[in-house]
Structures are given as structure tokens and as C-alpha cells.
Protein backbone atom coordinates (compact mmCIF):
# COMPACT_ATOMS: atom_id res chain seq x y z
CA UNK A 1 198.23 66.50 146.48
CA UNK A 2 198.05 64.42 149.70
CA UNK A 3 199.44 65.44 152.89
CA UNK A 4 202.84 63.50 153.15
CA UNK A 5 201.88 60.46 155.60
CA UNK A 6 202.56 60.72 159.34
CA UNK A 7 204.61 57.32 159.52
CA UNK A 8 208.26 58.14 159.66
CA UNK A 9 209.37 56.90 156.11
CA UNK A 10 211.04 60.12 155.22
CA UNK A 11 213.00 60.88 158.35
CA UNK A 12 210.24 61.91 160.86
CA UNK A 13 208.18 65.15 161.05
CA UNK A 14 211.65 67.05 161.30
CA UNK A 15 212.99 66.01 158.25
CA UNK A 16 214.25 68.76 156.03
CA UNK A 17 213.09 68.60 152.29
CA UNK A 18 210.89 70.86 150.03
CA UNK A 19 207.82 70.05 148.07
CA UNK A 20 208.38 70.45 144.56
CA UNK A 21 207.02 69.77 140.93
CA UNK A 22 208.54 67.16 138.69
CA UNK A 23 208.17 66.91 134.73
CA UNK A 24 205.82 63.72 134.06
CA UNK A 25 208.16 61.14 132.34
CA UNK A 26 208.04 60.39 128.44
CA UNK A 27 206.97 56.71 129.17
CA UNK A 28 210.55 55.36 127.74
CA UNK A 29 210.95 53.90 131.31
CA UNK A 30 208.27 51.80 133.02
CA UNK A 31 210.18 52.50 136.53
CA UNK A 32 209.71 56.17 135.72
CA UNK A 33 206.18 55.91 134.96
CA UNK A 34 205.55 54.15 138.03
CA UNK A 35 207.29 56.56 140.52
CA UNK A 36 204.87 59.27 138.43
CA UNK A 37 202.11 57.43 139.15
CA UNK A 38 203.12 57.35 143.02
CA UNK A 39 203.93 61.05 142.89
CA UNK A 40 200.37 61.71 142.09
CA UNK A 41 199.22 59.62 144.62
CA UNK A 42 201.27 60.81 147.50
CA UNK A 43 203.54 63.61 147.17
CA UNK A 44 206.84 64.86 145.35
CA UNK A 45 209.45 66.17 147.78
CA UNK A 46 213.39 66.77 147.41
CA UNK A 47 215.23 65.56 150.01
CA UNK A 48 218.20 66.62 152.03
CA UNK A 49 219.16 68.98 154.81
CA UNK A 50 219.20 66.54 157.51
CA UNK A 51 222.14 66.34 160.16
CA UNK A 52 224.19 63.53 158.91
CA UNK A 53 225.17 61.59 162.24
CA UNK A 54 221.58 61.95 163.47
CA UNK A 55 220.04 60.63 160.44
CA UNK A 56 222.77 57.66 160.62
CA UNK A 57 221.30 57.15 164.19
CA UNK A 58 217.86 57.28 163.40
CA UNK A 59 218.26 54.72 160.60
CA UNK A 60 220.15 52.22 162.56
CA UNK A 61 217.63 52.17 165.18
CA UNK A 62 214.91 51.49 162.71
CA UNK A 63 216.92 48.48 161.33
CA UNK A 64 214.79 45.20 161.63
CA UNK A 65 211.84 47.21 162.94
CA UNK A 66 208.70 49.20 162.83
CA UNK A 67 208.47 53.09 162.92
CA UNK A 68 206.29 52.86 165.57
CA UNK A 69 209.22 51.16 167.63
CA UNK A 70 212.03 52.89 166.61
CA UNK A 71 210.52 56.71 166.72
CA UNK A 72 210.14 56.51 170.42
CA UNK A 73 213.45 55.05 170.87
CA UNK A 74 214.99 58.07 168.72
CA UNK A 75 213.22 60.29 171.08
CA UNK A 76 214.61 59.11 173.97
CA UNK A 77 217.90 59.00 172.75
CA UNK A 78 217.79 62.51 171.41
CA UNK A 79 216.58 63.62 175.04
CA UNK A 80 219.01 61.96 176.83
CA UNK A 81 222.15 62.45 174.96
CA UNK A 82 221.91 65.57 172.72
CA UNK A 83 222.11 68.19 175.44
CA UNK A 84 225.93 68.54 175.13
CA UNK A 85 225.79 70.12 171.67
CA UNK A 86 227.55 67.07 169.78
CA UNK A 87 225.51 63.97 169.49
CA UNK A 88 228.67 62.07 168.30
CA UNK A 89 230.68 62.63 171.31
CA UNK A 90 227.75 61.86 173.73
CA UNK A 91 227.17 58.83 172.23
CA UNK A 92 231.25 57.68 172.14
CA UNK A 93 231.21 58.37 175.95
CA UNK A 94 227.68 56.47 176.67
CA UNK A 95 227.46 53.65 178.69
CA UNK A 96 226.38 50.80 176.77
CA UNK A 97 223.76 49.43 179.30
CA UNK A 98 222.32 52.89 179.72
CA UNK A 99 221.97 53.35 175.97
CA UNK A 100 220.49 49.95 175.81
CA UNK A 101 217.94 50.55 178.00
CA UNK A 102 217.26 53.92 176.83
CA UNK A 103 216.62 52.75 172.65
CA UNK A 104 214.92 49.27 174.23
CA UNK A 105 211.53 50.06 172.28
CA UNK A 106 213.53 49.60 168.90
CA UNK A 107 214.56 45.85 169.60
CA UNK A 108 217.90 44.51 169.17
CA UNK A 109 219.04 47.20 171.65
CA UNK A 110 222.11 45.32 172.92
CA UNK A 111 223.27 45.06 169.11
CA UNK A 112 222.34 48.81 168.34
CA UNK A 113 223.75 50.45 171.34
CA UNK A 114 226.87 48.64 170.46
CA UNK A 115 227.06 49.51 167.16
CA UNK A 116 226.03 53.26 167.93
CA UNK A 117 228.92 53.60 170.55
CA UNK A 118 231.47 52.04 168.19
CA UNK A 119 230.22 54.41 165.16
CA UNK A 120 230.27 57.44 167.36
CA UNK A 121 233.89 56.82 168.30
CA UNK A 122 235.09 56.32 165.14
CA UNK A 123 233.28 59.57 163.67
CA UNK A 124 234.86 61.60 166.51
CA UNK A 125 238.19 60.00 165.86
CA UNK A 126 238.12 60.07 162.06
CA UNK A 127 236.30 63.36 161.39
CA UNK A 128 236.55 65.35 164.58
CA UNK A 129 232.59 65.07 165.60
CA UNK A 130 229.43 65.35 163.64
CA UNK A 131 229.86 68.78 162.36
CA UNK A 132 232.80 67.74 160.10
CA UNK A 133 231.11 64.26 159.36
CA UNK A 134 227.76 66.42 157.97
CA UNK A 135 230.21 68.23 155.91
CA UNK A 136 231.75 65.10 154.26
CA UNK A 137 228.43 63.70 153.96
CA UNK A 138 227.01 66.74 151.88
CA UNK A 139 230.21 67.98 150.08
CA UNK A 140 231.90 64.48 149.46
CA UNK A 141 232.19 62.44 146.51
CA UNK A 142 229.04 60.54 146.91
CA UNK A 143 231.04 57.40 145.85
CA UNK A 144 233.66 57.81 148.60
CA UNK A 145 231.10 58.84 151.09
CA UNK A 146 228.93 55.51 150.40
CA UNK A 147 232.18 53.43 150.69
CA UNK A 148 233.06 55.31 154.06
CA UNK A 149 229.69 54.56 155.42
CA UNK A 150 229.64 51.06 154.36
CA UNK A 151 233.04 50.64 156.00
CA UNK A 152 231.43 51.01 159.36
CA UNK A 153 230.31 47.64 160.78
CA UNK A 154 226.62 48.07 161.25
CA UNK A 155 225.82 50.03 158.47
CA UNK A 156 224.34 48.22 155.18
CA UNK A 157 223.57 49.88 151.87
CA UNK A 158 219.87 50.63 152.60
CA UNK A 159 221.48 52.55 155.94
CA UNK A 160 224.13 54.20 153.83
CA UNK A 161 221.82 55.36 150.94
CA UNK A 162 219.33 56.81 153.46
CA UNK A 163 222.09 59.08 154.87
CA UNK A 164 223.10 60.16 151.26
CA UNK A 165 219.70 61.00 150.54
CA UNK A 166 218.07 62.58 153.94
CA UNK A 167 221.27 64.15 154.94
CA UNK A 168 223.13 64.79 151.67
CA UNK A 169 220.35 65.48 149.62
CA UNK A 170 222.07 63.35 146.61
CA UNK A 171 220.06 62.92 143.46
CA UNK A 172 220.06 59.71 142.03
CA UNK A 173 219.75 57.50 145.30
CA UNK A 174 216.96 55.21 145.65
CA UNK A 175 217.27 53.19 148.82
CA UNK A 176 216.10 49.65 148.79
CA UNK A 177 214.14 48.41 152.03
CA UNK A 178 212.17 45.21 152.20
CA UNK A 179 208.98 46.97 150.58
CA UNK A 180 210.93 48.62 147.66
CA UNK A 181 212.85 45.22 147.38
CA UNK A 182 209.91 43.13 146.69
CA UNK A 183 207.56 45.78 144.91
CA UNK A 184 210.17 46.32 142.18
CA UNK A 185 210.48 42.61 141.43
CA UNK A 186 206.72 42.17 141.76
CA UNK A 187 206.00 44.95 139.22
CA UNK A 188 208.89 43.54 136.91
CA UNK A 189 211.27 46.73 137.14
CA UNK A 190 214.00 44.29 138.60
CA UNK A 191 214.76 40.94 137.86
CA UNK A 192 212.69 38.27 140.24
CA UNK A 193 215.94 36.81 141.91
CA UNK A 194 217.64 40.35 142.08
CA UNK A 195 218.98 41.32 145.44
CA UNK A 196 218.99 44.33 147.00
CA UNK A 197 221.82 45.98 145.37
CA UNK A 198 220.58 44.93 141.97
CA UNK A 199 217.17 46.19 142.52
CA UNK A 200 218.78 49.39 143.58
CA UNK A 201 220.71 49.63 140.54
CA UNK A 202 217.88 48.86 138.37
CA UNK A 203 215.82 51.69 139.69
CA UNK A 204 218.66 54.13 139.64
CA UNK A 205 219.33 53.52 135.98
CA UNK A 206 215.90 53.79 134.94
CA UNK A 207 214.35 56.72 137.35
CA UNK A 208 215.83 60.39 136.91
CA UNK A 209 217.87 61.13 139.41
CA UNK A 210 215.64 64.06 140.99
CA UNK A 211 212.72 61.40 141.41
CA UNK A 212 214.45 58.75 143.21
CA UNK A 213 213.78 60.29 146.62
CA UNK A 214 210.12 60.50 146.78
CA UNK A 215 210.25 57.44 144.41
CA UNK A 216 211.55 55.46 147.59
CA UNK A 217 209.37 56.97 150.09
CA UNK A 218 206.23 56.83 148.03
CA UNK A 219 206.99 53.00 147.20
CA UNK A 220 207.33 52.15 150.89
CA UNK A 221 203.81 54.10 151.40
CA UNK A 222 202.51 52.03 148.50
CA UNK A 223 203.45 48.79 149.82
CA UNK A 224 202.01 49.24 153.19
CA UNK A 225 198.67 50.48 151.73
CA UNK A 226 198.28 48.66 148.47
CA UNK A 227 201.06 46.03 147.87
CA UNK A 228 201.51 44.10 151.12
CA UNK A 229 203.65 40.77 151.10
CA UNK A 230 200.90 38.28 151.66
CA UNK A 231 198.21 40.19 150.13
CA UNK A 232 198.41 42.68 147.49
CA UNK A 233 195.53 44.81 146.31
CA UNK A 234 195.49 43.21 142.73
CA UNK A 235 193.77 39.96 144.72
CA UNK A 236 190.59 42.11 144.90
CA UNK A 237 190.56 43.05 141.22
CA UNK A 238 192.21 45.31 138.97
CA UNK A 239 190.41 48.33 139.81
CA UNK A 240 191.91 47.68 143.54
CA UNK A 241 195.48 48.55 142.65
CA UNK A 242 196.29 52.09 141.19
CA UNK A 243 199.48 50.32 139.17
CA UNK A 244 197.70 47.33 137.87
CA UNK A 245 198.54 48.55 134.39
CA UNK A 246 202.11 49.09 135.09
CA UNK A 247 202.51 45.74 136.89
CA UNK A 248 203.64 42.25 135.82
CA UNK A 249 202.50 40.92 138.98
CA UNK A 250 205.28 38.29 139.36
CA UNK A 251 204.75 35.63 142.04
CA UNK A 252 201.03 36.88 142.32
CA UNK A 253 198.54 34.31 141.03
CA UNK A 254 195.15 36.25 140.79
CA UNK A 255 193.04 33.18 140.01
CA UNK A 256 194.13 30.96 142.88
CA UNK A 257 194.63 33.93 145.12
CA UNK A 258 197.97 32.82 146.10
CA UNK A 259 201.37 34.78 146.65
CA UNK A 260 204.87 34.22 146.54
CA UNK A 261 208.05 35.99 146.25
CA UNK A 262 209.03 36.71 142.88
CA UNK A 263 212.43 34.74 143.29
CA UNK A 264 210.35 31.33 143.94
CA UNK A 265 208.00 32.17 140.95
CA UNK A 266 210.92 32.34 138.64
CA UNK A 267 212.41 29.05 139.55
């Protein structure tokens, strides 16, 4: 089994979780077969154990930017604002201009600093601080936790699902980012015109709950290494892609070497 990639796709080097073995699927679901193949290529890991508020902060910083840009912003934020023992309280009291400067490498720093201060204040007011919020995320009803997160301005479905997965350790949560959205539709695991929520529902319906977490992180890594938006590996021939036999290649014309979004191919 390969080591987990250094990229921050599973919450960083400090991400809690355990390496584990999952039983191969019985091929009744092509989605599970894909995840099993990805597990053989990369790793199999059960997630959970991250501090919920820090996980929320990290995921907000990663919105619309790369891990290379968001990781330094996270590290700088933690160094400056985590010294008081309650990160939520520190951020709730932060001056926006100072916070924006601290996280500037993450991009959209004015918007993200406003979001972080607003959400930190709400968590202090509604839950009493990050410890109580963490308890809610870990032990609350998953649907209620997800609804509460989505009710926070600046938190979308992917961010909410990442908190449920990496902090709450919830089985059956398959966050959908741009890589997962593209690959699931290109493979034919979801409808070509499915939005992010429809892709999430399709994957969570077909992939066993305990495999959703590493399915999410492994599919991201697969998207970076093999199934990019503009030049997927299959354009170099069937042998170039380890998922070729499981893929419908929706939107990929191998002969013409042209690639379009799966939704365009369905029109």
C-alpha cells in the first residue's frame, strides 16, 4: 500500500484517522468497484477525530484555491490565533484587516476573513465555543449537523460534508469537490448533467458507508494524477488509465482527442 500523498486532501499531515482494510466489493455496484480499485492504488483509511471548528476553518480557507495556497494560510492563522486555547473565541474577536492579511495566501481573503469571524461568533454564541461545537459535530444526528452547518453563511455542501467526515468520522459521507464531480460523471457513476448534490447522492447510494471517506480522498488524487479536466490519461491509450475498463468516458472523444464537460456531451 502506498503512503498517503503529501497533498492536503485529507486534512493535512495532522489529520486523525486510521489505516484499515476494507473487504472488496461483490461487483454489484460499479461505484464500489471504482472505489476498491482506487483503494488498491492509494490507501484505505477511516477518517474522524479532527477538531470540528479547525476542520471548518481549514475547509473554508481551501475554498476556490489550491492546497498549496491554503495550507500556509491555515498555518499562519493557527500560529496567530490559537494561543488562547479557544480558536473560535480568538477568531470571533479578531480584527478583519489583520485576519485578512494573515490568510492572504489563500485568496479571497477579505471574503474568507469576514466568513470566519462571523461563523466563529455564531459558534461561540450558539454552542458556547469550539469544544461544545466539536461535541455536537461528533455526536449529533448527522442530518441535523449537516443542516446546522449549511445554515451558516459561507458553508456549502462540500464544506459541511468535509466537517462531517474529517471531524465527525461519519460513515456514508462522500464530499464532492470539482474533481469528484467531474470524475463521477465522466465514469458514468452519475448522470452527465448531475449537480454536486446529485453526484453526492449517487455515490453515497452505491458506495458502502465505511468506504466513502477514502473514496473521496482517493478520487481527488486520481483526478490530479490521471483524470484531469483537459487531458485525461485515457487519451494516451487504454493502458494509461487504471480505471479504463470501469469508465464510460462521457465527454471524451479518444479518436479526436477532444474533451468536453460530460454535461455538454449529453446535450
